[in-house]
Amino acid sequence: MTEGVFSGIRIGYVMTGSYCTFERSLAAAAELVRLGAELIPVMSENAANTDTRFGTGEENLARLRDIAGREVMTTVTETEHIGPDDLTDLMIVAPCTSNTAAKLACGITDTAAAMAVKSHLRSGKPVLLAIASNDSLLASAKNIGELFNRRSYYFVPMRQDDIIRKPASLVAEFAMIPQAAQAALSGIQLRPIITC
């Protein structure tokens, strides 16, 4: 993609707790900025406050803050005003855990991530989900399926990342986030959605 393709586009960039995908998500966020997007960064409370082998909460917050060039929203109170203040043209949730997908499918807004999406959706603008979950094809399948059928929801193409040890797992192709974002802004779902 060419530099400037997202010039003037404001993208809400939400990270939830699939910690093993943070490196790929942050690389995608940096690429969006390189392509001209203005990022409005959000982290779920768990993503912002949990220390793992993939980095401390503070380290990950700092990395997203540095990429976006502004403070990261981490509370329901902060993210509630995204829609009323018309802050975003596109909302990306990357990674989107099965827990967050379930909240979105059921209209539960008890986290900064879910509230960011709900607030953004009040104007019918597109939401792009980068699924990352070990049970996408088990208990979470019904929630993901529900979101497939919702207007305004789009998905980053995803694949089964380990069909032997994790046969129900799906993980988005994070490198495709810019391409999927451009498509979602045009009302198009990239296909195939799921690959092996």
C-alpha atoms as a PDB file:
ATOM      1  CA  MET A   1       0.000   0.000   0.000  1.00  0.00           C
ATOM      2  CA  THR A   2       1.148   3.518  -0.705  1.00  0.00           C
ATOM      3  CA  GLU A   3       1.973   6.082   1.957  1.00  0.00           C
ATOM      4  CA  GLY A   4      -0.871   8.472   2.621  1.00  0.00           C
ATOM      5  CA  VAL A   5      -3.610   5.983   1.696  1.00  0.00           C
ATOM      6  CA  PHE A   6      -5.168   6.599   5.134  1.00  0.00           C
ATOM      7  CA  SER A   7      -4.473  10.327   5.211  1.00  0.00           C
ATOM      8  CA  GLY A   8      -7.290  12.075   7.081  1.00  0.00           C
ATOM      9  CA  ILE A   9      -8.702   8.763   8.375  1.00  0.00           C
ATOM     10  CA  ARG A  10      -9.150   8.484  12.147  1.00  0.00           C
ATOM     11  CA  ILE A  11      -8.859   4.904  13.341  1.00  0.00           C
ATOM     12  CA  GLY A  12      -9.783   3.739  16.814  1.00  0.00           C
ATOM     13  CA  TYR A  13      -7.231   1.019  17.571  1.00  0.00           C
ATOM     14  CA  VAL A  14      -8.314  -1.305  20.380  1.00  0.00           C
ATOM     15  CA  MET A  15      -6.158  -4.026  21.913  1.00  0.00           C
ATOM     16  CA  THR A  16      -7.616  -6.776  24.105  1.00  0.00           C
ATOM     17  CA  GLY A  17      -5.897  -9.585  25.973  1.00  0.00           C
ATOM     18  CA  SER A  18      -4.517 -12.037  23.428  1.00  0.00           C
ATOM     19  CA  TYR A  19      -1.024 -11.191  24.641  1.00  0.00           C
ATOM     20  CA  CYS A  20       0.860 -13.543  22.309  1.00  0.00           C
ATOM     21  CA  THR A  21      -0.368 -11.481  19.343  1.00  0.00           C
ATOM     22  CA  PHE A  22       0.622  -8.060  20.725  1.00  0.00           C
ATOM     23  CA  GLU A  23       3.846  -7.866  18.719  1.00  0.00           C
ATOM     24  CA  ARG A  24       1.964  -8.409  15.450  1.00  0.00           C
ATOM     25  CA  SER A  25      -0.808  -6.025  16.489  1.00  0.00           C
ATOM     26  CA  LEU A  26       1.614  -3.246  17.376  1.00  0.00           C
ATOM     27  CA  ALA A  27       3.406  -3.739  14.048  1.00  0.00           C
ATOM     28  CA  ALA A  28       0.059  -3.351  12.254  1.00  0.00           C
ATOM     29  CA  ALA A  29      -0.708  -0.200  14.250  1.00  0.00           C
ATOM     30  CA  ALA A  30       2.657   1.274  13.260  1.00  0.00           C
ATOM     31  CA  GLU A  31       1.990   0.423   9.612  1.00  0.00           C
ATOM     32  CA  LEU A  32      -1.379   2.215   9.712  1.00  0.00           C
ATOM     33  CA  VAL A  33       0.349   5.318  11.039  1.00  0.00           C
ATOM     34  CA  ARG A  34       3.019   5.020   8.333  1.00  0.00           C
ATOM     35  CA  LEU A  35       0.198   4.926   5.786  1.00  0.00           C
ATOM     36  CA  GLY A  36      -1.187   8.196   7.135  1.00  0.00           C
ATOM     37  CA  ALA A  37      -3.840   7.131   9.667  1.00  0.00           C
ATOM     38  CA  GLU A  38      -4.461   9.030  12.889  1.00  0.00           C
ATOM     39  CA  LEU A  39      -4.766   6.439  15.662  1.00  0.00           C
ATOM     40  CA  ILE A  40      -7.064   6.824  18.668  1.00  0.00           C
ATOM     41  CA  PRO A  41      -5.567   4.125  20.938  1.00  0.00           C
ATOM     42  CA  VAL A  42      -7.573   2.012  23.395  1.00  0.00           C
ATOM     43  CA  MET A  43      -6.616  -0.953  25.569  1.00  0.00           C
ATOM     44  CA  SER A  44      -8.965  -3.117  27.567  1.00  0.00           C
ATOM     45  CA  GLU A  45      -8.366  -3.016  31.296  1.00  0.00           C
ATOM     46  CA  ASN A  46      -6.833  -6.507  31.220  1.00  0.00           C
ATOM     47  CA  ALA A  47      -4.581  -5.703  28.275  1.00  0.00           C
ATOM     48  CA  ALA A  48      -3.349  -2.525  29.956  1.00  0.00           C
ATOM     49  CA  ASN A  49      -2.758  -3.958  33.401  1.00  0.00           C
ATOM     50  CA  THR A  50      -1.546  -7.526  32.950  1.00  0.00           C
ATOM     51  CA  ASP A  51       2.130  -8.447  32.996  1.00  0.00           C
ATOM     52  CA  THR A  52       2.979 -11.499  30.880  1.00  0.00           C
ATOM     53  CA  ARG A  53       5.984 -13.051  29.182  1.00  0.00           C
ATOM     54  CA  PHE A  54       5.003 -10.866  26.223  1.00  0.00           C
ATOM     55  CA  GLY A  55       5.664  -7.677  28.188  1.00  0.00           C
ATOM     56  CA  THR A  56       4.316  -5.791  31.167  1.00  0.00           C
ATOM     57  CA  GLY A  57       1.111  -3.836  30.973  1.00  0.00           C
ATOM     58  CA  GLU A  58       3.052  -0.596  31.260  1.00  0.00           C
ATOM     59  CA  GLU A  59       5.482  -1.588  28.505  1.00  0.00           C
ATOM     60  CA  ASN A  60       2.660  -2.439  26.118  1.00  0.00           C
ATOM     61  CA  LEU A  61       0.791   0.765  26.978  1.00  0.00           C
ATOM     62  CA  ALA A  62       3.933   2.773  26.314  1.00  0.00           C
ATOM     63  CA  ARG A  63       4.501   1.087  22.958  1.00  0.00           C
ATOM     64  CA  LEU A  64       0.947   1.795  21.763  1.00  0.00           C
ATOM     65  CA  ARG A  65       1.149   5.360  23.113  1.00  0.00           C
ATOM     66  CA  ASP A  66       4.411   5.935  21.226  1.00  0.00           C
ATOM     67  CA  ILE A  67       2.975   4.574  17.967  1.00  0.00           C
ATOM     68  CA  ALA A  68      -0.217   6.635  18.213  1.00  0.00           C
ATOM     69  CA  GLY A  69       1.451   9.747  19.587  1.00  0.00           C
ATOM     70  CA  ARG A  70      -1.205  10.206  22.262  1.00  0.00           C
ATOM     71  CA  GLU A  71      -2.392   8.721  25.553  1.00  0.00           C
ATOM     72  CA  VAL A  72      -4.144   5.350  25.484  1.00  0.00           C
ATOM     73  CA  MET A  73      -7.740   5.203  26.721  1.00  0.00           C
ATOM     74  CA  THR A  74      -8.189   2.381  29.250  1.00  0.00           C
ATOM     75  CA  THR A  75     -11.555   2.999  30.939  1.00  0.00           C
ATOM     76  CA  VAL A  76     -15.236   2.885  30.025  1.00  0.00           C
ATOM     77  CA  THR A  77     -15.524   6.549  31.003  1.00  0.00           C
ATOM     78  CA  GLU A  78     -12.789   7.584  28.562  1.00  0.00           C
ATOM     79  CA  THR A  79     -14.097   5.563  25.623  1.00  0.00           C
ATOM     80  CA  GLU A  80     -17.782   6.458  26.023  1.00  0.00           C
ATOM     81  CA  HIS A  81     -17.287   9.810  24.308  1.00  0.00           C
ATOM     82  CA  ILE A  82     -15.740   8.360  21.112  1.00  0.00           C
ATOM     83  CA  GLY A  83     -19.083   8.269  19.294  1.00  0.00           C
ATOM     84  CA  PRO A  84     -20.701  11.440  20.644  1.00  0.00           C
ATOM     85  CA  ASP A  85     -17.532  13.419  19.862  1.00  0.00           C
ATOM     86  CA  ASP A  86     -17.199  11.782  16.404  1.00  0.00           C
ATOM     87  CA  LEU A  87     -13.560  10.806  17.004  1.00  0.00           C
ATOM     88  CA  THR A  88     -13.284   7.836  14.619  1.00  0.00           C
ATOM     89  CA  ASP A  89     -14.017   6.803  11.031  1.00  0.00           C
ATOM     90  CA  LEU A  90     -13.111   3.151  11.609  1.00  0.00           C
ATOM     91  CA  MET A  91     -12.713   1.058  14.755  1.00  0.00           C
ATOM     92  CA  ILE A  92     -10.223  -1.831  14.711  1.00  0.00           C
ATOM     93  CA  VAL A  93     -10.068  -4.385  17.524  1.00  0.00           C
ATOM     94  CA  ALA A  94      -6.727  -6.168  17.212  1.00  0.00           C
ATOM     95  CA  PRO A  95      -6.480  -8.580  18.836  1.00  0.00           C
ATOM     96  CA  CYS A  96     -10.149  -9.307  19.478  1.00  0.00           C
ATOM     97  CA  THR A  97     -10.439 -12.083  22.043  1.00  0.00           C
ATOM     98  CA  SER A  98     -13.382 -14.464  22.270  1.00  0.00           C
ATOM     99  CA  ASN A  99     -14.382 -12.670  25.478  1.00  0.00           C
ATOM    100  CA  THR A 100     -14.603  -9.324  23.679  1.00  0.00           C
ATOM    101  CA  ALA A 101     -16.394 -10.896  20.691  1.00  0.00           C
ATOM    102  CA  ALA A 102     -18.979 -12.333  23.101  1.00  0.00           C
ATOM    103  CA  LYS A 103     -19.492  -8.947  24.729  1.00  0.00           C
ATOM    104  CA  LEU A 104     -19.965  -7.305  21.327  1.00  0.00           C
ATOM    105  CA  ALA A 105     -22.399 -10.009  20.195  1.00  0.00           C
ATOM    106  CA  CYS A 106     -24.448  -9.622  23.382  1.00  0.00           C
ATOM    107  CA  GLY A 107     -24.254  -5.833  23.685  1.00  0.00           C
ATOM    108  CA  ILE A 108     -22.301  -5.900  26.958  1.00  0.00           C
ATOM    109  CA  THR A 109     -20.241  -2.740  27.484  1.00  0.00           C
ATOM    110  CA  ASP A 110     -18.422  -3.261  30.768  1.00  0.00           C
ATOM    111  CA  THR A 111     -14.892  -2.774  29.399  1.00  0.00           C
ATOM    112  CA  ALA A 112     -13.079   0.069  27.659  1.00  0.00           C
ATOM    113  CA  ALA A 113     -12.828  -2.089  24.518  1.00  0.00           C
ATOM    114  CA  ALA A 114     -16.529  -2.941  24.304  1.00  0.00           C
ATOM    115  CA  MET A 115     -17.556   0.632  25.069  1.00  0.00           C
ATOM    116  CA  ALA A 116     -15.215   1.993  22.391  1.00  0.00           C
ATOM    117  CA  VAL A 117     -16.905  -0.204  19.786  1.00  0.00           C
ATOM    118  CA  LYS A 118     -20.419   0.528  21.028  1.00  0.00           C
ATOM    119  CA  SER A 119     -19.803   4.254  21.079  1.00  0.00           C
ATOM    120  CA  HIS A 120     -18.266   4.194  17.588  1.00  0.00           C
ATOM    121  CA  LEU A 121     -21.179   2.123  16.205  1.00  0.00           C
ATOM    122  CA  ARG A 122     -23.796   4.719  17.154  1.00  0.00           C
ATOM    123  CA  SER A 123     -23.164   6.335  13.747  1.00  0.00           C
ATOM    124  CA  GLY A 124     -23.144   3.039  11.818  1.00  0.00           C
ATOM    125  CA  LYS A 125     -19.455   3.282  10.993  1.00  0.00           C
ATOM    126  CA  PRO A 126     -17.393   0.151  10.246  1.00  0.00           C
ATOM    127  CA  VAL A 127     -15.745  -2.044  12.870  1.00  0.00           C
ATOM    128  CA  LEU A 128     -12.895  -4.371  11.887  1.00  0.00           C
ATOM    129  CA  LEU A 129     -12.166  -7.360  14.121  1.00  0.00           C
ATOM    130  CA  ALA A 130      -8.856  -9.247  14.195  1.00  0.00           C
ATOM    131  CA  ILE A 131      -9.926 -12.432  15.980  1.00  0.00           C
ATOM    132  CA  ALA A 132      -7.375 -14.249  18.155  1.00  0.00           C
ATOM    133  CA  SER A 133      -8.848 -17.058  20.216  1.00  0.00           C
ATOM    134  CA  ASN A 134      -8.088 -20.684  21.036  1.00  0.00           C
ATOM    135  CA  ASP A 135     -11.796 -21.585  21.129  1.00  0.00           C
ATOM    136  CA  SER A 136     -13.058 -19.724  18.040  1.00  0.00           C
ATOM    137  CA  LEU A 137     -14.499 -22.940  16.609  1.00  0.00           C
ATOM    138  CA  LEU A 138     -15.967 -24.165  19.922  1.00  0.00           C
ATOM    139  CA  ALA A 139     -17.921 -22.128  22.490  1.00  0.00           C
ATOM    140  CA  SER A 140     -16.993 -18.832  20.840  1.00  0.00           C
ATOM    141  CA  ALA A 141     -18.183 -19.851  17.385  1.00  0.00           C
ATOM    142  CA  LYS A 142     -21.756 -18.731  18.005  1.00  0.00           C
ATOM    143  CA  ASN A 143     -20.651 -15.234  19.025  1.00  0.00           C
ATOM    144  CA  ILE A 144     -18.297 -14.829  16.077  1.00  0.00           C
ATOM    145  CA  GLY A 145     -21.065 -16.139  13.808  1.00  0.00           C
ATOM    146  CA  GLU A 146     -23.469 -13.594  15.242  1.00  0.00           C
ATOM    147  CA  LEU A 147     -21.024 -10.808  14.419  1.00  0.00           C
ATOM    148  CA  PHE A 148     -20.588 -12.147  10.859  1.00  0.00           C
ATOM    149  CA  ASN A 149     -24.291 -11.373  10.407  1.00  0.00           C
ATOM    150  CA  ARG A 150     -24.193  -7.854  11.854  1.00  0.00           C
ATOM    151  CA  ARG A 151     -24.141  -4.769   9.702  1.00  0.00           C
ATOM    152  CA  SER A 152     -20.988  -2.672  10.151  1.00  0.00           C
ATOM    153  CA  TYR A 153     -18.777  -5.595  11.282  1.00  0.00           C
ATOM    154  CA  TYR A 154     -15.877  -6.763   9.140  1.00  0.00           C
ATOM    155  CA  PHE A 155     -13.134  -9.301   9.815  1.00  0.00           C
ATOM    156  CA  VAL A 156      -9.437  -9.438   9.141  1.00  0.00           C
ATOM    157  CA  PRO A 157      -8.872 -12.721   7.271  1.00  0.00           C
ATOM    158  CA  MET A 158      -7.904 -15.412   9.749  1.00  0.00           C
ATOM    159  CA  ARG A 159      -6.467 -18.889   9.789  1.00  0.00           C
ATOM    160  CA  GLN A 160      -6.294 -21.986  11.895  1.00  0.00           C
ATOM    161  CA  ASP A 161      -2.873 -21.448  13.402  1.00  0.00           C
ATOM    162  CA  ASP A 162      -2.212 -24.945  14.796  1.00  0.00           C
ATOM    163  CA  ILE A 163      -4.708 -27.569  13.661  1.00  0.00           C
ATOM    164  CA  ILE A 164      -2.977 -30.346  15.620  1.00  0.00           C
ATOM    165  CA  ARG A 165      -2.469 -28.854  19.089  1.00  0.00           C
ATOM    166  CA  LYS A 166      -5.228 -26.190  18.902  1.00  0.00           C
ATOM    167  CA  PRO A 167      -7.832 -27.475  16.431  1.00  0.00           C
ATOM    168  CA  ALA A 168     -10.440 -24.849  17.425  1.00  0.00           C
ATOM    169  CA  SER A 169      -8.086 -21.848  17.306  1.00  0.00           C
ATOM    170  CA  LEU A 170      -8.358 -18.974  14.819  1.00  0.00           C
ATOM    171  CA  VAL A 171      -5.892 -16.094  14.572  1.00  0.00           C
ATOM    172  CA  ALA A 172      -6.160 -13.088  12.287  1.00  0.00           C
ATOM    173  CA  GLU A 173      -3.500 -12.378   9.684  1.00  0.00           C
ATOM    174  CA  PHE A 174      -2.360  -9.181  11.405  1.00  0.00           C
ATOM    175  CA  ALA A 175      -0.214  -8.146   8.427  1.00  0.00           C
ATOM    176  CA  MET A 176      -3.471  -7.846   6.447  1.00  0.00           C
ATOM    177  CA  ILE A 177      -4.973  -5.242   8.799  1.00  0.00           C
ATOM    178  CA  PRO A 178      -4.221  -2.269   6.506  1.00  0.00           C
ATOM    179  CA  GLN A 179      -5.732  -4.031   3.489  1.00  0.00           C
ATOM    180  CA  ALA A 180      -8.767  -5.166   5.512  1.00  0.00           C
ATOM    181  CA  ALA A 181      -9.170  -1.645   6.925  1.00  0.00           C
ATOM    182  CA  GLN A 182      -9.207  -0.121   3.459  1.00  0.00           C
ATOM    183  CA  ALA A 183     -11.814  -2.682   2.364  1.00  0.00           C
ATOM    184  CA  ALA A 184     -13.995  -2.113   5.451  1.00  0.00           C
ATOM    185  CA  LEU A 185     -13.977   1.635   4.839  1.00  0.00           C
ATOM    186  CA  SER A 186     -15.388   0.815   1.381  1.00  0.00           C
ATOM    187  CA  GLY A 187     -17.991  -1.584   2.797  1.00  0.00           C
ATOM    188  CA  ILE A 188     -16.188  -4.694   1.545  1.00  0.00           C
ATOM    189  CA  GLN A 189     -15.311  -7.889   3.444  1.00  0.00           C
ATOM    190  CA  LEU A 190     -11.987  -9.405   2.307  1.00  0.00           C
ATOM    191  CA  ARG A 191     -12.259 -13.067   1.366  1.00  0.00           C
ATOM    192  CA  PRO A 192     -11.550 -15.804   2.074  1.00  0.00           C
ATOM    193  CA  ILE A 193     -12.329 -14.970   5.689  1.00  0.00           C
ATOM    194  CA  ILE A 194     -10.944 -18.245   7.093  1.00  0.00           C
ATOM    195  CA  THR A 195      -8.029 -20.252   5.674  1.00  0.00           C
ATOM    196  CA  CYS A 196      -5.927 -23.180   6.877  1.00  0.00           C
END
